[in-house]
Amino acid sequence: MNSLGFASNETPEKDMVFLQIVFTFDGADAAEGLGKGLKDLIEVVEELTQDEGVYHPYKYLNFAAWFQDPLGGYGKEQKKKLREVARKYDPSGMFQQQVSGGFKLL
């Protein structure tokens, strides 16, 4: 198992599809509706892949949406290990508390 939660027998480079959804719009008033549309679309895709038996919880961290949990997709055990590393090398939690944005472990 690696830090992304893939087992040694998994081949994500062959077995997974990378889906990047990009919305562009001119007016800020469209943001709320497009955000809801994005959530709805991802929900449909995840339900479909679950129904087909091909769903994988991994989400590429750099492209995950604000409402997703990419670190949770690594699996409970891997997330626990990553938290332990974070506590070891950042015991005060500076990165977790003082760096804006991103997905945090703690």
PDB file of N, CA and C in Angstrom:
ATOM      1  N   MET A   1       0.864  -1.176   0.000  1.00  0.00           N
ATOM      2  CA  MET A   1       0.000   0.000   0.000  1.00  0.00           C
ATOM      3  C   MET A   1       0.909   1.237   0.000  1.00  0.00           C
ATOM      4  N   ASN A   2       0.588   2.213  -0.830  1.00  0.00           N
ATOM      5  CA  ASN A   2       1.364   3.441  -0.836  1.00  0.00           C
ATOM      6  C   ASN A   2       0.587   4.560  -0.137  1.00  0.00           C
ATOM      7  N   SER A   3       1.155   5.746  -0.062  1.00  0.00           N
ATOM      8  CA  SER A   3       0.511   6.829   0.691  1.00  0.00           C
ATOM      9  C   SER A   3      -0.791   7.310   0.060  1.00  0.00           C
ATOM     10  N   LEU A   4      -1.039   6.975  -1.189  1.00  0.00           N
ATOM     11  CA  LEU A   4      -2.295   7.357  -1.839  1.00  0.00           C
ATOM     12  C   LEU A   4      -3.387   6.311  -1.639  1.00  0.00           C
ATOM     13  N   GLY A   5      -3.039   5.209  -0.968  1.00  0.00           N
ATOM     14  CA  GLY A   5      -4.025   4.194  -0.664  1.00  0.00           C
ATOM     15  C   GLY A   5      -4.191   3.117  -1.715  1.00  0.00           C
ATOM     16  N   PHE A   6      -3.333   3.090  -2.726  1.00  0.00           N
ATOM     17  CA  PHE A   6      -3.425   2.053  -3.752  1.00  0.00           C
ATOM     18  C   PHE A   6      -2.701   0.803  -3.284  1.00  0.00           C
ATOM     19  N   ALA A   7      -3.350  -0.330  -3.427  1.00  0.00           N
ATOM     20  CA  ALA A   7      -2.731  -1.607  -3.093  1.00  0.00           C
ATOM     21  C   ALA A   7      -1.687  -1.954  -4.152  1.00  0.00           C
ATOM     22  N   SER A   8      -0.754  -2.816  -3.791  1.00  0.00           N
ATOM     23  CA  SER A   8       0.330  -3.168  -4.709  1.00  0.00           C
ATOM     24  C   SER A   8      -0.181  -3.856  -5.979  1.00  0.00           C
ATOM     25  N   ASN A   9      -1.354  -4.471  -5.913  1.00  0.00           N
ATOM     26  CA  ASN A   9      -1.894  -5.147  -7.095  1.00  0.00           C
ATOM     27  C   ASN A   9      -2.792  -4.243  -7.944  1.00  0.00           C
ATOM     28  N   GLU A  10      -2.984  -2.994  -7.530  1.00  0.00           N
ATOM     29  CA  GLU A  10      -3.806  -2.067  -8.313  1.00  0.00           C
ATOM     30  C   GLU A  10      -2.943  -1.360  -9.358  1.00  0.00           C
ATOM     31  N   THR A  11      -3.550  -1.065 -10.493  1.00  0.00           N
ATOM     32  CA  THR A  11      -2.856  -0.337 -11.560  1.00  0.00           C
ATOM     33  C   THR A  11      -3.718   0.853 -11.982  1.00  0.00           C
ATOM     34  N   PRO A  12      -3.726   1.910 -11.145  1.00  0.00           N
ATOM     35  CA  PRO A  12      -4.589   3.048 -11.454  1.00  0.00           C
ATOM     36  C   PRO A  12      -4.243   3.725 -12.778  1.00  0.00           C
ATOM     37  N   GLU A  13      -2.980   3.658 -13.186  1.00  0.00           N
ATOM     38  CA  GLU A  13      -2.582   4.269 -14.451  1.00  0.00           C
ATOM     39  C   GLU A  13      -3.226   3.564 -15.648  1.00  0.00           C
ATOM     40  N   LYS A  14      -3.714   2.353 -15.434  1.00  0.00           N
ATOM     41  CA  LYS A  14      -4.381   1.605 -16.499  1.00  0.00           C
ATOM     42  C   LYS A  14      -5.881   1.496 -16.272  1.00  0.00           C
ATOM     43  N   ASP A  15      -6.297   1.468 -15.008  1.00  0.00           N
ATOM     44  CA  ASP A  15      -7.675   1.110 -14.679  1.00  0.00           C
ATOM     45  C   ASP A  15      -8.571   2.276 -14.279  1.00  0.00           C
ATOM     46  N   MET A  16      -8.031   3.469 -14.194  1.00  0.00           N
ATOM     47  CA  MET A  16      -8.848   4.609 -13.772  1.00  0.00           C
ATOM     48  C   MET A  16      -8.937   5.632 -14.886  1.00  0.00           C
ATOM     49  N   VAL A  17     -10.032   6.345 -14.894  1.00  0.00           N
ATOM     50  CA  VAL A  17     -10.255   7.411 -15.861  1.00  0.00           C
ATOM     51  C   VAL A  17     -10.123   8.731 -15.124  1.00  0.00           C
ATOM     52  N   PHE A  18      -9.325   9.613 -15.653  1.00  0.00           N
ATOM     53  CA  PHE A  18      -9.167  10.942 -15.085  1.00  0.00           C
ATOM     54  C   PHE A  18     -10.251  11.837 -15.680  1.00  0.00           C
ATOM     55  N   LEU A  19     -11.098  12.372 -14.827  1.00  0.00           N
ATOM     56  CA  LEU A  19     -12.187  13.237 -15.272  1.00  0.00           C
ATOM     57  C   LEU A  19     -12.002  14.602 -14.623  1.00  0.00           C
ATOM     58  N   GLN A  20     -11.733  15.573 -15.444  1.00  0.00           N
ATOM     59  CA  GLN A  20     -11.594  16.938 -14.947  1.00  0.00           C
ATOM     60  C   GLN A  20     -12.730  17.766 -15.530  1.00  0.00           C
ATOM     61  N   ILE A  21     -13.489  18.391 -14.649  1.00  0.00           N
ATOM     62  CA  ILE A  21     -14.636  19.189 -15.072  1.00  0.00           C
ATOM     63  C   ILE A  21     -14.291  20.654 -14.828  1.00  0.00           C
ATOM     64  N   VAL A  22     -14.401  21.460 -15.860  1.00  0.00           N
ATOM     65  CA  VAL A  22     -14.078  22.876 -15.746  1.00  0.00           C
ATOM     66  C   VAL A  22     -15.277  23.684 -16.205  1.00  0.00           C
ATOM     67  N   PHE A  23     -15.785  24.524 -15.322  1.00  0.00           N
ATOM     68  CA  PHE A  23     -16.852  25.454 -15.673  1.00  0.00           C
ATOM     69  C   PHE A  23     -16.242  26.834 -15.840  1.00  0.00           C
ATOM     70  N   THR A  24     -16.617  27.529 -16.880  1.00  0.00           N
ATOM     71  CA  THR A  24     -16.227  28.928 -17.024  1.00  0.00           C
ATOM     72  C   THR A  24     -17.491  29.756 -17.204  1.00  0.00           C
ATOM     73  N   PHE A  25     -17.460  30.948 -16.657  1.00  0.00           N
ATOM     74  CA  PHE A  25     -18.617  31.830 -16.758  1.00  0.00           C
ATOM     75  C   PHE A  25     -18.164  33.266 -16.563  1.00  0.00           C
ATOM     76  N   ASP A  26     -18.974  34.193 -17.049  1.00  0.00           N
ATOM     77  CA  ASP A  26     -18.609  35.603 -16.994  1.00  0.00           C
ATOM     78  C   ASP A  26     -19.072  36.297 -15.721  1.00  0.00           C
ATOM     79  N   GLY A  27     -20.269  35.993 -15.267  1.00  0.00           N
ATOM     80  CA  GLY A  27     -20.812  36.704 -14.126  1.00  0.00           C
ATOM     81  C   GLY A  27     -20.730  35.909 -12.842  1.00  0.00           C
ATOM     82  N   ALA A  28     -20.387  36.580 -11.751  1.00  0.00           N
ATOM     83  CA  ALA A  28     -20.277  35.922 -10.450  1.00  0.00           C
ATOM     84  C   ALA A  28     -21.623  35.361  -9.990  1.00  0.00           C
ATOM     85  N   ASP A  29     -22.704  35.911 -10.525  1.00  0.00           N
ATOM     86  CA  ASP A  29     -24.031  35.440 -10.111  1.00  0.00           C
ATOM     87  C   ASP A  29     -24.305  33.995 -10.559  1.00  0.00           C
ATOM     88  N   ALA A  30     -23.497  33.468 -11.466  1.00  0.00           N
ATOM     89  CA  ALA A  30     -23.671  32.089 -11.927  1.00  0.00           C
ATOM     90  C   ALA A  30     -22.944  31.081 -11.034  1.00  0.00           C
ATOM     91  N   ALA A  31     -22.085  31.544 -10.139  1.00  0.00           N
ATOM     92  CA  ALA A  31     -21.240  30.645  -9.340  1.00  0.00           C
ATOM     93  C   ALA A  31     -22.055  29.663  -8.499  1.00  0.00           C
ATOM     94  N   GLU A  32     -23.096  30.130  -7.844  1.00  0.00           N
ATOM     95  CA  GLU A  32     -23.882  29.255  -6.977  1.00  0.00           C
ATOM     96  C   GLU A  32     -24.544  28.130  -7.776  1.00  0.00           C
ATOM     97  N   GLY A  33     -25.159  28.478  -8.877  1.00  0.00           N
ATOM     98  CA  GLY A  33     -25.825  27.479  -9.705  1.00  0.00           C
ATOM     99  C   GLY A  33     -24.857  26.485 -10.324  1.00  0.00           C
ATOM    100  N   LEU A  34     -23.707  26.977 -10.776  1.00  0.00           N
ATOM    101  CA  LEU A  34     -22.722  26.072 -11.352  1.00  0.00           C
ATOM    102  C   LEU A  34     -22.101  25.182 -10.277  1.00  0.00           C
ATOM    103  N   GLY A  35     -21.923  25.701  -9.078  1.00  0.00           N
ATOM    104  CA  GLY A  35     -21.434  24.877  -7.974  1.00  0.00           C
ATOM    105  C   GLY A  35     -22.381  23.736  -7.670  1.00  0.00           C
ATOM    106  N   LYS A  36     -23.671  24.041  -7.645  1.00  0.00           N
ATOM    107  CA  LYS A  36     -24.680  22.996  -7.415  1.00  0.00           C
ATOM    108  C   LYS A  36     -24.685  22.000  -8.572  1.00  0.00           C
ATOM    109  N   GLY A  37     -24.572  22.512  -9.792  1.00  0.00           N
ATOM    110  CA  GLY A  37     -24.527  21.634 -10.966  1.00  0.00           C
ATOM    111  C   GLY A  37     -23.323  20.695 -10.922  1.00  0.00           C
ATOM    112  N   LEU A  38     -22.182  21.209 -10.477  1.00  0.00           N
ATOM    113  CA  LEU A  38     -20.986  20.392 -10.361  1.00  0.00           C
ATOM    114  C   LEU A  38     -21.185  19.290  -9.328  1.00  0.00           C
ATOM    115  N   LYS A  39     -21.730  19.652  -8.171  1.00  0.00           N
ATOM    116  CA  LYS A  39     -22.003  18.649  -7.132  1.00  0.00           C
ATOM    117  C   LYS A  39     -22.957  17.577  -7.651  1.00  0.00           C
ATOM    118  N   ASP A  40     -24.011  18.005  -8.331  1.00  0.00           N
ATOM    119  CA  ASP A  40     -25.003  17.068  -8.864  1.00  0.00           C
ATOM    120  C   ASP A  40     -24.372  16.129  -9.901  1.00  0.00           C
ATOM    121  N   LEU A  41     -23.540  16.682 -10.776  1.00  0.00           N
ATOM    122  CA  LEU A  41     -22.897  15.876 -11.814  1.00  0.00           C
ATOM    123  C   LEU A  41     -21.963  14.846 -11.195  1.00  0.00           C
ATOM    124  N   ILE A  42     -21.162  15.259 -10.223  1.00  0.00           N
ATOM    125  CA  ILE A  42     -20.241  14.330  -9.572  1.00  0.00           C
ATOM    126  C   ILE A  42     -21.015  13.245  -8.837  1.00  0.00           C
ATOM    127  N   GLU A  43     -22.113  13.617  -8.222  1.00  0.00           N
ATOM    128  CA  GLU A  43     -22.946  12.630  -7.522  1.00  0.00           C
ATOM    129  C   GLU A  43     -23.472  11.581  -8.498  1.00  0.00           C
ATOM    130  N   VAL A  44     -23.936  12.014  -9.653  1.00  0.00           N
ATOM    131  CA  VAL A  44     -24.449  11.080 -10.662  1.00  0.00           C
ATOM    132  C   VAL A  44     -23.331  10.159 -11.155  1.00  0.00           C
ATOM    133  N   VAL A  45     -22.160  10.721 -11.428  1.00  0.00           N
ATOM    134  CA  VAL A  45     -21.041   9.910 -11.920  1.00  0.00           C
ATOM    135  C   VAL A  45     -20.625   8.891 -10.862  1.00  0.00           C
ATOM    136  N   GLU A  46     -20.549   9.314  -9.599  1.00  0.00           N
ATOM    137  CA  GLU A  46     -20.154   8.387  -8.532  1.00  0.00           C
ATOM    138  C   GLU A  46     -21.202   7.290  -8.334  1.00  0.00           C
ATOM    139  N   GLU A  47     -22.471   7.637  -8.387  1.00  0.00           N
ATOM    140  CA  GLU A  47     -23.528   6.624  -8.255  1.00  0.00           C
ATOM    141  C   GLU A  47     -23.468   5.630  -9.410  1.00  0.00           C
ATOM    142  N   LEU A  48     -23.269   6.125 -10.620  1.00  0.00           N
ATOM    143  CA  LEU A  48     -23.186   5.257 -11.793  1.00  0.00           C
ATOM    144  C   LEU A  48     -22.004   4.305 -11.683  1.00  0.00           C
ATOM    145  N   THR A  49     -20.842   4.815 -11.292  1.00  0.00           N
ATOM    146  CA  THR A  49     -19.670   3.946 -11.182  1.00  0.00           C
ATOM    147  C   THR A  49     -19.828   2.934 -10.047  1.00  0.00           C
ATOM    148  N   GLN A  50     -20.505   3.333  -8.980  1.00  0.00           N
ATOM    149  CA  GLN A  50     -20.790   2.381  -7.898  1.00  0.00           C
ATOM    150  C   GLN A  50     -21.728   1.287  -8.385  1.00  0.00           C
ATOM    151  N   ASP A  51     -22.776   1.680  -9.097  1.00  0.00           N
ATOM    152  CA  ASP A  51     -23.727   0.705  -9.640  1.00  0.00           C
ATOM    153  C   ASP A  51     -23.040  -0.274 -10.604  1.00  0.00           C
ATOM    154  N   GLU A  52     -22.071   0.218 -11.346  1.00  0.00           N
ATOM    155  CA  GLU A  52     -21.357  -0.610 -12.319  1.00  0.00           C
ATOM    156  C   GLU A  52     -20.221  -1.413 -11.689  1.00  0.00           C
ATOM    157  N   GLY A  53     -19.946  -1.152 -10.405  1.00  0.00           N
ATOM    158  CA  GLY A  53     -18.887  -1.885  -9.709  1.00  0.00           C
ATOM    159  C   GLY A  53     -17.485  -1.443 -10.059  1.00  0.00           C
ATOM    160  N   VAL A  54     -17.344  -0.216 -10.575  1.00  0.00           N
ATOM    161  CA  VAL A  54     -16.017   0.268 -10.969  1.00  0.00           C
ATOM    162  C   VAL A  54     -15.596   1.527 -10.197  1.00  0.00           C
ATOM    163  N   TYR A  55     -16.360   1.885  -9.188  1.00  0.00           N
ATOM    164  CA  TYR A  55     -16.059   3.084  -8.405  1.00  0.00           C
ATOM    165  C   TYR A  55     -14.775   2.894  -7.603  1.00  0.00           C
ATOM    166  N   HIS A  56     -13.969   3.935  -7.541  1.00  0.00           N
ATOM    167  CA  HIS A  56     -12.794   3.970  -6.671  1.00  0.00           C
ATOM    168  C   HIS A  56     -12.845   5.302  -5.941  1.00  0.00           C
ATOM    169  N   PRO A  57     -12.610   5.326  -4.627  1.00  0.00           N
ATOM    170  CA  PRO A  57     -12.751   6.563  -3.856  1.00  0.00           C
ATOM    171  C   PRO A  57     -11.633   7.579  -4.083  1.00  0.00           C
ATOM    172  N   TYR A  58     -10.558   7.197  -4.768  1.00  0.00           N
ATOM    173  CA  TYR A  58      -9.434   8.113  -4.986  1.00  0.00           C
ATOM    174  C   TYR A  58      -9.874   9.336  -5.779  1.00  0.00           C
ATOM    175  N   LYS A  59      -9.420  10.490  -5.322  1.00  0.00           N
ATOM    176  CA  LYS A  59      -9.631  11.742  -6.043  1.00  0.00           C
ATOM    177  C   LYS A  59      -8.296  12.464  -6.104  1.00  0.00           C
ATOM    178  N   TYR A  60      -7.929  12.915  -7.276  1.00  0.00           N
ATOM    179  CA  TYR A  60      -6.660  13.612  -7.447  1.00  0.00           C
ATOM    180  C   TYR A  60      -6.689  14.901  -6.633  1.00  0.00           C
ATOM    181  N   LEU A  61      -5.794  14.999  -5.686  1.00  0.00           N
ATOM    182  CA  LEU A  61      -5.795  16.081  -4.713  1.00  0.00           C
ATOM    183  C   LEU A  61      -5.780  17.478  -5.351  1.00  0.00           C
ATOM    184  N   ASN A  62      -4.959  17.666  -6.360  1.00  0.00           N
ATOM    185  CA  ASN A  62      -4.824  19.001  -6.950  1.00  0.00           C
ATOM    186  C   ASN A  62      -6.069  19.470  -7.690  1.00  0.00           C
ATOM    187  N   PHE A  63      -6.924  18.547  -8.095  1.00  0.00           N
ATOM    188  CA  PHE A  63      -8.113  18.922  -8.845  1.00  0.00           C
ATOM    189  C   PHE A  63      -9.413  18.640  -8.106  1.00  0.00           C
ATOM    190  N   ALA A  64      -9.329  18.211  -6.848  1.00  0.00           N
ATOM    191  CA  ALA A  64     -10.549  17.935  -6.078  1.00  0.00           C
ATOM    192  C   ALA A  64     -11.294  19.240  -5.809  1.00  0.00           C
ATOM    193  N   ALA A  65     -12.599  19.153  -5.841  1.00  0.00           N
ATOM    194  CA  ALA A  65     -13.445  20.320  -5.558  1.00  0.00           C
ATOM    195  C   ALA A  65     -13.497  20.567  -4.056  1.00  0.00           C
ATOM    196  N   TRP A  66     -13.850  21.768  -3.686  1.00  0.00           N
ATOM    197  CA  TRP A  66     -13.866  22.183  -2.285  1.00  0.00           C
ATOM    198  C   TRP A  66     -14.748  21.313  -1.406  1.00  0.00           C
ATOM    199  N   PHE A  67     -15.746  20.680  -1.986  1.00  0.00           N
ATOM    200  CA  PHE A  67     -16.696  19.895  -1.211  1.00  0.00           C
ATOM    201  C   PHE A  67     -16.322  18.406  -1.152  1.00  0.00           C
ATOM    202  N   GLN A  68     -15.261  18.022  -1.816  1.00  0.00           N
ATOM    203  CA  GLN A  68     -14.849  16.626  -1.823  1.00  0.00           C
ATOM    204  C   GLN A  68     -13.838  16.358  -0.700  1.00  0.00           C
ATOM    205  N   ASP A  69     -13.593  15.085  -0.425  1.00  0.00           N
ATOM    206  CA  ASP A  69     -12.647  14.676   0.602  1.00  0.00           C
ATOM    207  C   ASP A  69     -11.584  13.787  -0.038  1.00  0.00           C
ATOM    208  N   PRO A  70     -10.618  14.376  -0.762  1.00  0.00           N
ATOM    209  CA  PRO A  70      -9.625  13.549  -1.442  1.00  0.00           C
ATOM    210  C   PRO A  70      -8.755  12.745  -0.477  1.00  0.00           C
ATOM    211  N   LEU A  71      -8.455  13.291   0.684  1.00  0.00           N
ATOM    212  CA  LEU A  71      -7.624  12.560   1.646  1.00  0.00           C
ATOM    213  C   LEU A  71      -8.365  11.340   2.183  1.00  0.00           C
ATOM    214  N   GLY A  72      -9.668  11.411   2.289  1.00  0.00           N
ATOM    215  CA  GLY A  72     -10.471  10.263   2.711  1.00  0.00           C
ATOM    216  C   GLY A  72     -10.415   9.125   1.705  1.00  0.00           C
ATOM    217  N   GLY A  73     -10.189   9.471   0.442  1.00  0.00           N
ATOM    218  CA  GLY A  73     -10.091   8.460  -0.609  1.00  0.00           C
ATOM    219  C   GLY A  73      -8.828   7.613  -0.521  1.00  0.00           C
ATOM    220  N   TYR A  74      -7.878   8.025   0.301  1.00  0.00           N
ATOM    221  CA  TYR A  74      -6.645   7.251   0.477  1.00  0.00           C
ATOM    222  C   TYR A  74      -6.884   6.035   1.367  1.00  0.00           C
ATOM    223  N   GLY A  75      -8.000   6.033   2.076  1.00  0.00           N
ATOM    224  CA  GLY A  75      -8.306   4.952   3.007  1.00  0.00           C
ATOM    225  C   GLY A  75      -7.989   5.370   4.437  1.00  0.00           C
ATOM    226  N   LYS A  76      -8.707   4.776   5.376  1.00  0.00           N
ATOM    227  CA  LYS A  76      -8.570   5.156   6.790  1.00  0.00           C
ATOM    228  C   LYS A  76      -7.160   4.922   7.316  1.00  0.00           C
ATOM    229  N   GLU A  77      -6.582   3.789   6.969  1.00  0.00           N
ATOM    230  CA  GLU A  77      -5.251   3.457   7.490  1.00  0.00           C
ATOM    231  C   GLU A  77      -4.192   4.407   6.943  1.00  0.00           C
ATOM    232  N   GLN A  78      -4.254   4.695   5.651  1.00  0.00           N
ATOM    233  CA  GLN A  78      -3.276   5.608   5.058  1.00  0.00           C
ATOM    234  C   GLN A  78      -3.450   7.029   5.587  1.00  0.00           C
ATOM    235  N   LYS A  79      -4.687   7.448   5.757  1.00  0.00           N
ATOM    236  CA  LYS A  79      -4.923   8.791   6.293  1.00  0.00           C
ATOM    237  C   LYS A  79      -4.383   8.893   7.719  1.00  0.00           C
ATOM    238  N   LYS A  80      -4.535   7.833   8.477  1.00  0.00           N
ATOM    239  CA  LYS A  80      -4.000   7.798   9.840  1.00  0.00           C
ATOM    240  C   LYS A  80      -2.476   7.935   9.813  1.00  0.00           C
ATOM    241  N   LYS A  81      -1.814   7.217   8.899  1.00  0.00           N
ATOM    242  CA  LYS A  81      -0.360   7.301   8.779  1.00  0.00           C
ATOM    243  C   LYS A  81       0.075   8.712   8.370  1.00  0.00           C
ATOM    244  N   LEU A  82      -0.648   9.306   7.451  1.00  0.00           N
ATOM    245  CA  LEU A  82      -0.317  10.669   7.017  1.00  0.00           C
ATOM    246  C   LEU A  82      -0.479  11.666   8.165  1.00  0.00           C
ATOM    247  N   ARG A  83      -1.494  11.470   8.991  1.00  0.00           N
ATOM    248  CA  ARG A  83      -1.678  12.323  10.168  1.00  0.00           C
ATOM    249  C   ARG A  83      -0.505  12.170  11.141  1.00  0.00           C
ATOM    250  N   GLU A  84      -0.053  10.932  11.330  1.00  0.00           N
ATOM    251  CA  GLU A  84       1.089  10.693  12.214  1.00  0.00           C
ATOM    252  C   GLU A  84       2.336  11.406  11.704  1.00  0.00           C
ATOM    253  N   VAL A  85       2.564  11.354  10.410  1.00  0.00           N
ATOM    254  CA  VAL A  85       3.716  12.046   9.814  1.00  0.00           C
ATOM    255  C   VAL A  85       3.566  13.557  10.003  1.00  0.00           C
ATOM    256  N   ALA A  86       2.365  14.070   9.766  1.00  0.00           N
ATOM    257  CA  ALA A  86       2.129  15.502   9.941  1.00  0.00           C
ATOM    258  C   ALA A  86       2.408  15.926  11.380  1.00  0.00           C
ATOM    259  N   ARG A  87       1.952  15.145  12.334  1.00  0.00           N
ATOM    260  CA  ARG A  87       2.190  15.479  13.747  1.00  0.00           C
ATOM    261  C   ARG A  87       3.673  15.405  14.099  1.00  0.00           C
ATOM    262  N   LYS A  88       4.387  14.454  13.485  1.00  0.00           N
ATOM    263  CA  LYS A  88       5.816  14.308  13.765  1.00  0.00           C
ATOM    264  C   LYS A  88       6.613  15.502  13.246  1.00  0.00           C
ATOM    265  N   TYR A  89       6.354  15.907  12.003  1.00  0.00           N
ATOM    266  CA  TYR A  89       7.159  16.945  11.366  1.00  0.00           C
ATOM    267  C   TYR A  89       6.572  18.345  11.503  1.00  0.00           C
ATOM    268  N   ASP A  90       5.347  18.445  11.954  1.00  0.00           N
ATOM    269  CA  ASP A  90       4.697  19.742  12.174  1.00  0.00           C
ATOM    270  C   ASP A  90       3.888  19.656  13.468  1.00  0.00           C
ATOM    271  N   PRO A  91       4.584  19.422  14.599  1.00  0.00           N
ATOM    272  CA  PRO A  91       3.869  19.178  15.855  1.00  0.00           C
ATOM    273  C   PRO A  91       3.000  20.346  16.316  1.00  0.00           C
ATOM    274  N   SER A  92       3.352  21.547  15.929  1.00  0.00           N
ATOM    275  CA  SER A  92       2.543  22.697  16.331  1.00  0.00           C
ATOM    276  C   SER A  92       1.350  22.910  15.402  1.00  0.00           C
ATOM    277  N   GLY A  93       1.308  22.178  14.278  1.00  0.00           N
ATOM    278  CA  GLY A  93       0.204  22.311  13.330  1.00  0.00           C
ATOM    279  C   GLY A  93       0.246  23.591  12.521  1.00  0.00           C
ATOM    280  N   MET A  94       1.434  24.178  12.380  1.00  0.00           N
ATOM    281  CA  MET A  94       1.569  25.449  11.650  1.00  0.00           C
ATOM    282  C   MET A  94       0.991  25.336  10.239  1.00  0.00           C
ATOM    283  N   PHE A  95       1.359  24.296   9.529  1.00  0.00           N
ATOM    284  CA  PHE A  95       0.859  24.149   8.162  1.00  0.00           C
ATOM    285  C   PHE A  95      -0.658  24.007   8.155  1.00  0.00           C
ATOM    286  N   GLN A  96      -1.177  23.222   9.077  1.00  0.00           N
ATOM    287  CA  GLN A  96      -2.614  22.960   9.136  1.00  0.00           C
ATOM    288  C   GLN A  96      -3.416  24.216   9.475  1.00  0.00           C
ATOM    289  N   GLN A  97      -2.819  25.117  10.234  1.00  0.00           N
ATOM    290  CA  GLN A  97      -3.558  26.277  10.727  1.00  0.00           C
ATOM    291  C   GLN A  97      -3.224  27.591  10.021  1.00  0.00           C
ATOM    292  N   GLN A  98      -1.995  27.732   9.537  1.00  0.00           N
ATOM    293  CA  GLN A  98      -1.575  29.042   9.028  1.00  0.00           C
ATOM    294  C   GLN A  98      -1.433  29.107   7.513  1.00  0.00           C
ATOM    295  N   VAL A  99      -1.549  27.984   6.851  1.00  0.00           N
ATOM    296  CA  VAL A  99      -1.486  27.992   5.391  1.00  0.00           C
ATOM    297  C   VAL A  99      -2.930  27.899   4.880  1.00  0.00           C
ATOM    298  N   SER A 100      -3.331  28.908   4.136  1.00  0.00           N
ATOM    299  CA  SER A 100      -4.710  28.928   3.647  1.00  0.00           C
ATOM    300  C   SER A 100      -4.905  27.959   2.489  1.00  0.00           C
ATOM    301  N   GLY A 101      -6.132  27.536   2.333  1.00  0.00           N
ATOM    302  CA  GLY A 101      -6.494  26.675   1.212  1.00  0.00           C
ATOM    303  C   GLY A 101      -6.039  25.242   1.402  1.00  0.00           C
ATOM    304  N   GLY A 102      -6.376  24.430   0.457  1.00  0.00           N
ATOM    305  CA  GLY A 102      -5.969  23.044   0.474  1.00  0.00           C
ATOM    306  C   GLY A 102      -6.777  22.181   1.422  1.00  0.00           C
ATOM    307  N   PHE A 103      -6.456  20.926   1.419  1.00  0.00           N
ATOM    308  CA  PHE A 103      -7.134  19.948   2.263  1.00  0.00           C
ATOM    309  C   PHE A 103      -6.192  19.590   3.405  1.00  0.00           C
ATOM    310  N   LYS A 104      -6.681  19.665   4.604  1.00  0.00           N
ATOM    311  CA  LYS A 104      -5.849  19.483   5.789  1.00  0.00           C
ATOM    312  C   LYS A 104      -6.053  18.113   6.408  1.00  0.00           C
ATOM    313  N   LEU A 105      -5.000  17.619   7.035  1.00  0.00           N
ATOM    314  CA  LEU A 105      -5.038  16.319   7.702  1.00  0.00           C
ATOM    315  C   LEU A 105      -5.558  16.414   9.129  1.00  0.00           C
ATOM    316  N   LEU A 106      -5.287  17.499   9.793  1.00  0.00           N
ATOM    317  CA  LEU A 106      -5.631  17.613  11.216  1.00  0.00           C
ATOM    318  C   LEU A 106      -6.801  18.552  11.421  1.00  0.00           C
TER     319      LEU A 106
END
